[in-house]
Amino acid sequence: MDKQIDPQTEIELQAAAFRRLQKHLMEDRTDVQNIDMMNLTGFCRNCLSRWYQEAANERGIAMDKVEAREIYYGMTIDEWKANYQTEAGPEKQAEFEAAFKENVTDKS
């Protein structure tokens, strides 16, 4: 594809795609559990909120994990868990530990 997109439009398209992913995960597919996402893909809603926080921090905007999650989730994490999170069995939790270690834990 030879379509030239200027840098500002590219940023806007990327932001629109992020907002659509967020809507999909927060409204359309609340049934999909974070633990299943992490186990299958190596990231989940919490990762997306952390990446949002990291981007804010890199730009000098003070934001902690709780604030970033509330912005991403549109509610507190406790509200999310009460409304949408189901119990994960030992097998899923073991898979999660491995996925978290592989994808989230600092490797430096």
N, C-alpha and C. Protein backbone atom coordinates (compact mmCIF):
# COMPACT_ATOMS: atom_id res chain seq x y z
N MET A 1 0.85 -1.18 0.00
CA MET A 1 0.00 0.00 0.00
C MET A 1 0.90 1.24 0.00
N ASP A 2 0.65 2.16 -0.91
CA ASP A 2 1.47 3.35 -1.05
C ASP A 2 0.84 4.58 -0.41
N LYS A 3 -0.12 4.40 0.44
CA LYS A 3 -0.81 5.53 1.05
C LYS A 3 0.13 6.23 2.04
N GLN A 4 0.33 7.53 1.83
CA GLN A 4 1.16 8.32 2.72
C GLN A 4 0.26 8.93 3.80
N ILE A 5 0.63 8.70 5.03
CA ILE A 5 -0.12 9.26 6.16
C ILE A 5 0.83 10.14 6.95
N ASP A 6 0.41 11.39 7.18
CA ASP A 6 1.27 12.30 7.91
C ASP A 6 1.35 11.87 9.38
N PRO A 7 2.41 12.26 10.08
CA PRO A 7 2.64 11.80 11.46
C PRO A 7 1.48 12.11 12.41
N GLN A 8 0.87 13.28 12.32
CA GLN A 8 -0.23 13.63 13.22
C GLN A 8 -1.44 12.73 12.96
N THR A 9 -1.75 12.47 11.70
CA THR A 9 -2.86 11.58 11.37
C THR A 9 -2.57 10.18 11.87
N GLU A 10 -1.33 9.73 11.73
CA GLU A 10 -0.96 8.41 12.24
C GLU A 10 -1.20 8.31 13.75
N ILE A 11 -0.81 9.34 14.49
CA ILE A 11 -1.05 9.37 15.94
C ILE A 11 -2.55 9.30 16.22
N GLU A 12 -3.33 10.05 15.47
CA GLU A 12 -4.78 10.06 15.68
C GLU A 12 -5.40 8.70 15.36
N LEU A 13 -4.93 8.06 14.31
CA LEU A 13 -5.43 6.73 13.96
C LEU A 13 -5.06 5.71 15.04
N GLN A 14 -3.83 5.79 15.53
CA GLN A 14 -3.40 4.88 16.60
C GLN A 14 -4.23 5.11 17.86
N ALA A 15 -4.50 6.37 18.20
CA ALA A 15 -5.32 6.68 19.37
C ALA A 15 -6.74 6.15 19.19
N ALA A 16 -7.28 6.28 17.98
CA ALA A 16 -8.62 5.77 17.71
C ALA A 16 -8.66 4.25 17.85
N ALA A 17 -7.62 3.58 17.37
CA ALA A 17 -7.56 2.12 17.49
C ALA A 17 -7.47 1.71 18.96
N PHE A 18 -6.68 2.44 19.75
CA PHE A 18 -6.58 2.16 21.18
C PHE A 18 -7.94 2.34 21.85
N ARG A 19 -8.63 3.44 21.54
CA ARG A 19 -9.94 3.68 22.14
C ARG A 19 -10.93 2.58 21.76
N ARG A 20 -10.84 2.09 20.53
CA ARG A 20 -11.74 1.01 20.10
C ARG A 20 -11.41 -0.29 20.83
N LEU A 21 -10.13 -0.58 21.01
CA LEU A 21 -9.73 -1.76 21.79
C LEU A 21 -10.24 -1.64 23.22
N GLN A 22 -10.08 -0.47 23.79
CA GLN A 22 -10.55 -0.24 25.16
C GLN A 22 -12.06 -0.45 25.25
N LYS A 23 -12.82 0.11 24.33
CA LYS A 23 -14.28 -0.07 24.33
C LYS A 23 -14.63 -1.54 24.18
N HIS A 24 -13.94 -2.22 23.28
CA HIS A 24 -14.20 -3.64 23.06
C HIS A 24 -14.02 -4.43 24.35
N LEU A 25 -12.91 -4.19 25.04
CA LEU A 25 -12.62 -4.94 26.26
C LEU A 25 -13.46 -4.50 27.46
N MET A 26 -13.84 -3.23 27.50
CA MET A 26 -14.55 -2.71 28.67
C MET A 26 -16.07 -2.74 28.53
N GLU A 27 -16.56 -2.82 27.30
CA GLU A 27 -18.01 -2.82 27.10
C GLU A 27 -18.52 -4.05 26.36
N ASP A 28 -17.84 -4.41 25.27
CA ASP A 28 -18.34 -5.49 24.42
C ASP A 28 -17.99 -6.87 24.95
N ARG A 29 -16.82 -7.01 25.59
CA ARG A 29 -16.36 -8.34 26.02
C ARG A 29 -15.93 -8.35 27.48
N THR A 30 -16.81 -7.87 28.34
CA THR A 30 -16.52 -7.90 29.77
C THR A 30 -16.44 -9.34 30.29
N ASP A 31 -16.94 -10.28 29.50
CA ASP A 31 -16.89 -11.69 29.90
C ASP A 31 -15.48 -12.27 29.80
N VAL A 32 -14.62 -11.65 29.00
CA VAL A 32 -13.26 -12.15 28.84
C VAL A 32 -12.46 -11.74 30.08
N GLN A 33 -11.92 -12.73 30.75
CA GLN A 33 -11.20 -12.49 31.99
C GLN A 33 -9.76 -12.05 31.72
N ASN A 34 -9.26 -11.14 32.57
CA ASN A 34 -7.87 -10.70 32.46
C ASN A 34 -6.90 -11.87 32.51
N ILE A 35 -7.15 -12.81 33.38
CA ILE A 35 -6.24 -13.95 33.52
C ILE A 35 -6.17 -14.76 32.23
N ASP A 36 -7.30 -14.91 31.54
CA ASP A 36 -7.31 -15.63 30.26
C ASP A 36 -6.54 -14.84 29.20
N MET A 37 -6.74 -13.53 29.19
CA MET A 37 -5.99 -12.69 28.24
C MET A 37 -4.49 -12.82 28.48
N MET A 38 -4.09 -12.72 29.73
CA MET A 38 -2.67 -12.79 30.06
C MET A 38 -2.11 -14.16 29.68
N ASN A 39 -2.85 -15.20 29.99
CA ASN A 39 -2.37 -16.55 29.71
C ASN A 39 -2.24 -16.82 28.21
N LEU A 40 -3.14 -16.23 27.42
CA LEU A 40 -3.12 -16.47 25.97
C LEU A 40 -2.26 -15.47 25.19
N THR A 41 -2.24 -14.21 25.64
CA THR A 41 -1.61 -13.18 24.83
C THR A 41 -0.42 -12.49 25.48
N GLY A 42 -0.27 -12.66 26.79
CA GLY A 42 0.83 -12.00 27.48
C GLY A 42 0.52 -10.57 27.89
N PHE A 43 -0.74 -10.14 27.74
CA PHE A 43 -1.15 -8.82 28.24
C PHE A 43 -2.63 -8.86 28.57
N CYS A 44 -3.06 -7.88 29.38
CA CYS A 44 -4.47 -7.81 29.77
C CYS A 44 -4.86 -6.35 29.98
N ARG A 45 -6.02 -6.12 30.50
CA ARG A 45 -6.48 -4.75 30.74
C ARG A 45 -5.54 -4.02 31.69
N ASN A 46 -5.04 -4.71 32.70
CA ASN A 46 -4.12 -4.07 33.64
C ASN A 46 -2.83 -3.65 32.93
N CYS A 47 -2.37 -4.43 31.99
CA CYS A 47 -1.18 -4.06 31.21
C CYS A 47 -1.46 -2.79 30.41
N LEU A 48 -2.62 -2.73 29.78
CA LEU A 48 -2.98 -1.54 29.01
C LEU A 48 -3.02 -0.31 29.90
N SER A 49 -3.56 -0.45 31.10
CA SER A 49 -3.59 0.70 32.01
C SER A 49 -2.17 1.05 32.46
N ARG A 50 -1.32 0.06 32.66
CA ARG A 50 0.08 0.32 33.04
C ARG A 50 0.81 1.03 31.92
N TRP A 51 0.58 0.62 30.68
CA TRP A 51 1.23 1.27 29.54
C TRP A 51 0.76 2.72 29.44
N TYR A 52 -0.50 2.96 29.73
CA TYR A 52 -1.04 4.32 29.75
C TYR A 52 -0.31 5.14 30.81
N GLN A 53 -0.17 4.56 32.00
CA GLN A 53 0.54 5.22 33.10
C GLN A 53 1.99 5.52 32.72
N GLU A 54 2.66 4.54 32.14
CA GLU A 54 4.06 4.73 31.75
C GLU A 54 4.18 5.86 30.72
N ALA A 55 3.27 5.92 29.77
CA ALA A 55 3.29 6.98 28.76
C ALA A 55 3.08 8.34 29.42
N ALA A 56 2.17 8.41 30.38
CA ALA A 56 1.95 9.67 31.10
C ALA A 56 3.20 10.06 31.88
N ASN A 57 3.77 9.12 32.60
CA ASN A 57 4.97 9.39 33.40
C ASN A 57 6.12 9.85 32.52
N GLU A 58 6.28 9.23 31.35
CA GLU A 58 7.36 9.63 30.42
C GLU A 58 7.20 11.07 29.96
N ARG A 59 5.97 11.57 29.99
CA ARG A 59 5.71 12.94 29.56
C ARG A 59 5.62 13.90 30.74
N GLY A 60 6.06 13.44 31.92
CA GLY A 60 6.08 14.29 33.10
C GLY A 60 4.75 14.42 33.80
N ILE A 61 3.79 13.58 33.47
CA ILE A 61 2.49 13.60 34.12
C ILE A 61 2.51 12.58 35.25
N ALA A 62 2.38 13.07 36.48
CA ALA A 62 2.39 12.18 37.63
C ALA A 62 1.10 11.36 37.65
N MET A 63 1.24 10.05 37.64
CA MET A 63 0.09 9.16 37.65
C MET A 63 0.54 7.84 38.25
N ASP A 64 -0.22 7.35 39.22
CA ASP A 64 0.13 6.05 39.79
C ASP A 64 -0.76 4.95 39.20
N LYS A 65 -0.50 3.73 39.62
CA LYS A 65 -1.21 2.57 39.08
C LYS A 65 -2.71 2.66 39.32
N VAL A 66 -3.11 3.10 40.50
CA VAL A 66 -4.53 3.19 40.83
C VAL A 66 -5.22 4.19 39.91
N GLU A 67 -4.61 5.37 39.74
CA GLU A 67 -5.19 6.39 38.86
C GLU A 67 -5.30 5.89 37.43
N ALA A 68 -4.24 5.25 36.94
CA ALA A 68 -4.25 4.75 35.56
C ALA A 68 -5.33 3.70 35.36
N ARG A 69 -5.50 2.81 36.32
CA ARG A 69 -6.54 1.79 36.20
C ARG A 69 -7.92 2.42 36.19
N GLU A 70 -8.14 3.41 37.05
CA GLU A 70 -9.45 4.06 37.09
C GLU A 70 -9.74 4.77 35.76
N ILE A 71 -8.71 5.37 35.15
CA ILE A 71 -8.89 6.02 33.86
C ILE A 71 -9.22 4.96 32.81
N TYR A 72 -8.44 3.89 32.77
CA TYR A 72 -8.64 2.86 31.75
C TYR A 72 -9.97 2.13 31.94
N TYR A 73 -10.23 1.68 33.17
CA TYR A 73 -11.43 0.89 33.45
C TYR A 73 -12.70 1.75 33.50
N GLY A 74 -12.55 3.03 33.79
CA GLY A 74 -13.72 3.88 33.95
C GLY A 74 -14.43 3.63 35.27
N MET A 75 -13.74 2.98 36.18
CA MET A 75 -14.25 2.64 37.50
C MET A 75 -13.06 2.15 38.32
N THR A 76 -13.29 1.93 39.60
CA THR A 76 -12.20 1.38 40.42
C THR A 76 -12.00 -0.08 40.07
N ILE A 77 -10.81 -0.58 40.36
CA ILE A 77 -10.54 -2.00 40.09
C ILE A 77 -11.44 -2.88 40.95
N ASP A 78 -11.77 -2.43 42.16
CA ASP A 78 -12.68 -3.20 43.01
C ASP A 78 -14.07 -3.29 42.40
N GLU A 79 -14.53 -2.21 41.77
CA GLU A 79 -15.83 -2.24 41.10
C GLU A 79 -15.79 -3.21 39.92
N TRP A 80 -14.70 -3.16 39.15
CA TRP A 80 -14.55 -4.08 38.01
C TRP A 80 -14.61 -5.52 38.50
N LYS A 81 -13.83 -5.82 39.52
CA LYS A 81 -13.78 -7.20 40.03
C LYS A 81 -15.15 -7.65 40.51
N ALA A 82 -15.85 -6.79 41.23
CA ALA A 82 -17.17 -7.14 41.75
C ALA A 82 -18.18 -7.40 40.63
N ASN A 83 -18.08 -6.64 39.55
CA ASN A 83 -19.04 -6.75 38.46
C ASN A 83 -18.70 -7.80 37.42
N TYR A 84 -17.40 -8.05 37.18
CA TYR A 84 -17.03 -8.85 36.02
C TYR A 84 -16.04 -9.99 36.26
N GLN A 85 -15.26 -9.93 37.31
CA GLN A 85 -14.23 -10.94 37.48
C GLN A 85 -14.80 -12.21 38.10
N THR A 86 -14.39 -13.34 37.54
CA THR A 86 -14.79 -14.63 38.08
C THR A 86 -13.59 -15.29 38.75
N GLU A 87 -13.85 -16.30 39.52
CA GLU A 87 -12.78 -17.01 40.24
C GLU A 87 -11.95 -17.84 39.25
N ALA A 88 -10.65 -17.78 39.44
CA ALA A 88 -9.73 -18.56 38.59
C ALA A 88 -9.23 -19.76 39.38
N GLY A 89 -9.28 -20.92 38.75
CA GLY A 89 -8.81 -22.13 39.39
C GLY A 89 -7.30 -22.19 39.46
N PRO A 90 -6.78 -23.19 40.18
CA PRO A 90 -5.33 -23.32 40.36
C PRO A 90 -4.55 -23.45 39.06
N GLU A 91 -5.11 -24.14 38.07
CA GLU A 91 -4.40 -24.31 36.80
C GLU A 91 -4.22 -22.97 36.09
N LYS A 92 -5.30 -22.17 36.04
CA LYS A 92 -5.21 -20.85 35.41
C LYS A 92 -4.25 -19.94 36.18
N GLN A 93 -4.27 -20.05 37.51
CA GLN A 93 -3.38 -19.22 38.31
C GLN A 93 -1.92 -19.59 38.06
N ALA A 94 -1.64 -20.87 37.91
CA ALA A 94 -0.27 -21.31 37.62
C ALA A 94 0.17 -20.82 36.24
N GLU A 95 -0.72 -20.91 35.25
CA GLU A 95 -0.42 -20.38 33.92
C GLU A 95 -0.15 -18.88 33.98
N PHE A 96 -0.96 -18.19 34.80
CA PHE A 96 -0.80 -16.75 34.95
C PHE A 96 0.56 -16.40 35.53
N GLU A 97 0.98 -17.13 36.54
CA GLU A 97 2.29 -16.86 37.15
C GLU A 97 3.40 -16.94 36.10
N ALA A 98 3.33 -17.94 35.26
CA ALA A 98 4.33 -18.10 34.20
C ALA A 98 4.23 -16.97 33.18
N ALA A 99 3.01 -16.63 32.76
CA ALA A 99 2.80 -15.57 31.77
C ALA A 99 3.24 -14.22 32.34
N PHE A 100 2.93 -13.97 33.60
CA PHE A 100 3.31 -12.71 34.23
C PHE A 100 4.83 -12.59 34.30
N LYS A 101 5.47 -13.66 34.71
CA LYS A 101 6.93 -13.68 34.82
C LYS A 101 7.57 -13.43 33.45
N GLU A 102 6.99 -14.04 32.42
CA GLU A 102 7.54 -13.93 31.07
C GLU A 102 7.28 -12.56 30.44
N ASN A 103 6.12 -11.96 30.72
CA ASN A 103 5.71 -10.75 29.99
C ASN A 103 5.73 -9.46 30.79
N VAL A 104 5.69 -9.54 32.11
CA VAL A 104 5.55 -8.32 32.89
C VAL A 104 6.76 -8.06 33.79
N THR A 105 7.27 -9.09 34.41
CA THR A 105 8.37 -8.91 35.34
C THR A 105 9.57 -8.31 34.62
N ASP A 106 10.18 -7.33 35.25
CA ASP A 106 11.36 -6.66 34.67
C ASP A 106 12.46 -7.66 34.41
N LYS A 107 12.93 -7.67 33.17
CA LYS A 107 13.94 -8.64 32.75
C LYS A 107 15.35 -8.05 32.77
N SER A 108 15.49 -6.82 33.24
CA SER A 108 16.83 -6.20 33.21
C SER A 108 17.71 -6.65 34.36
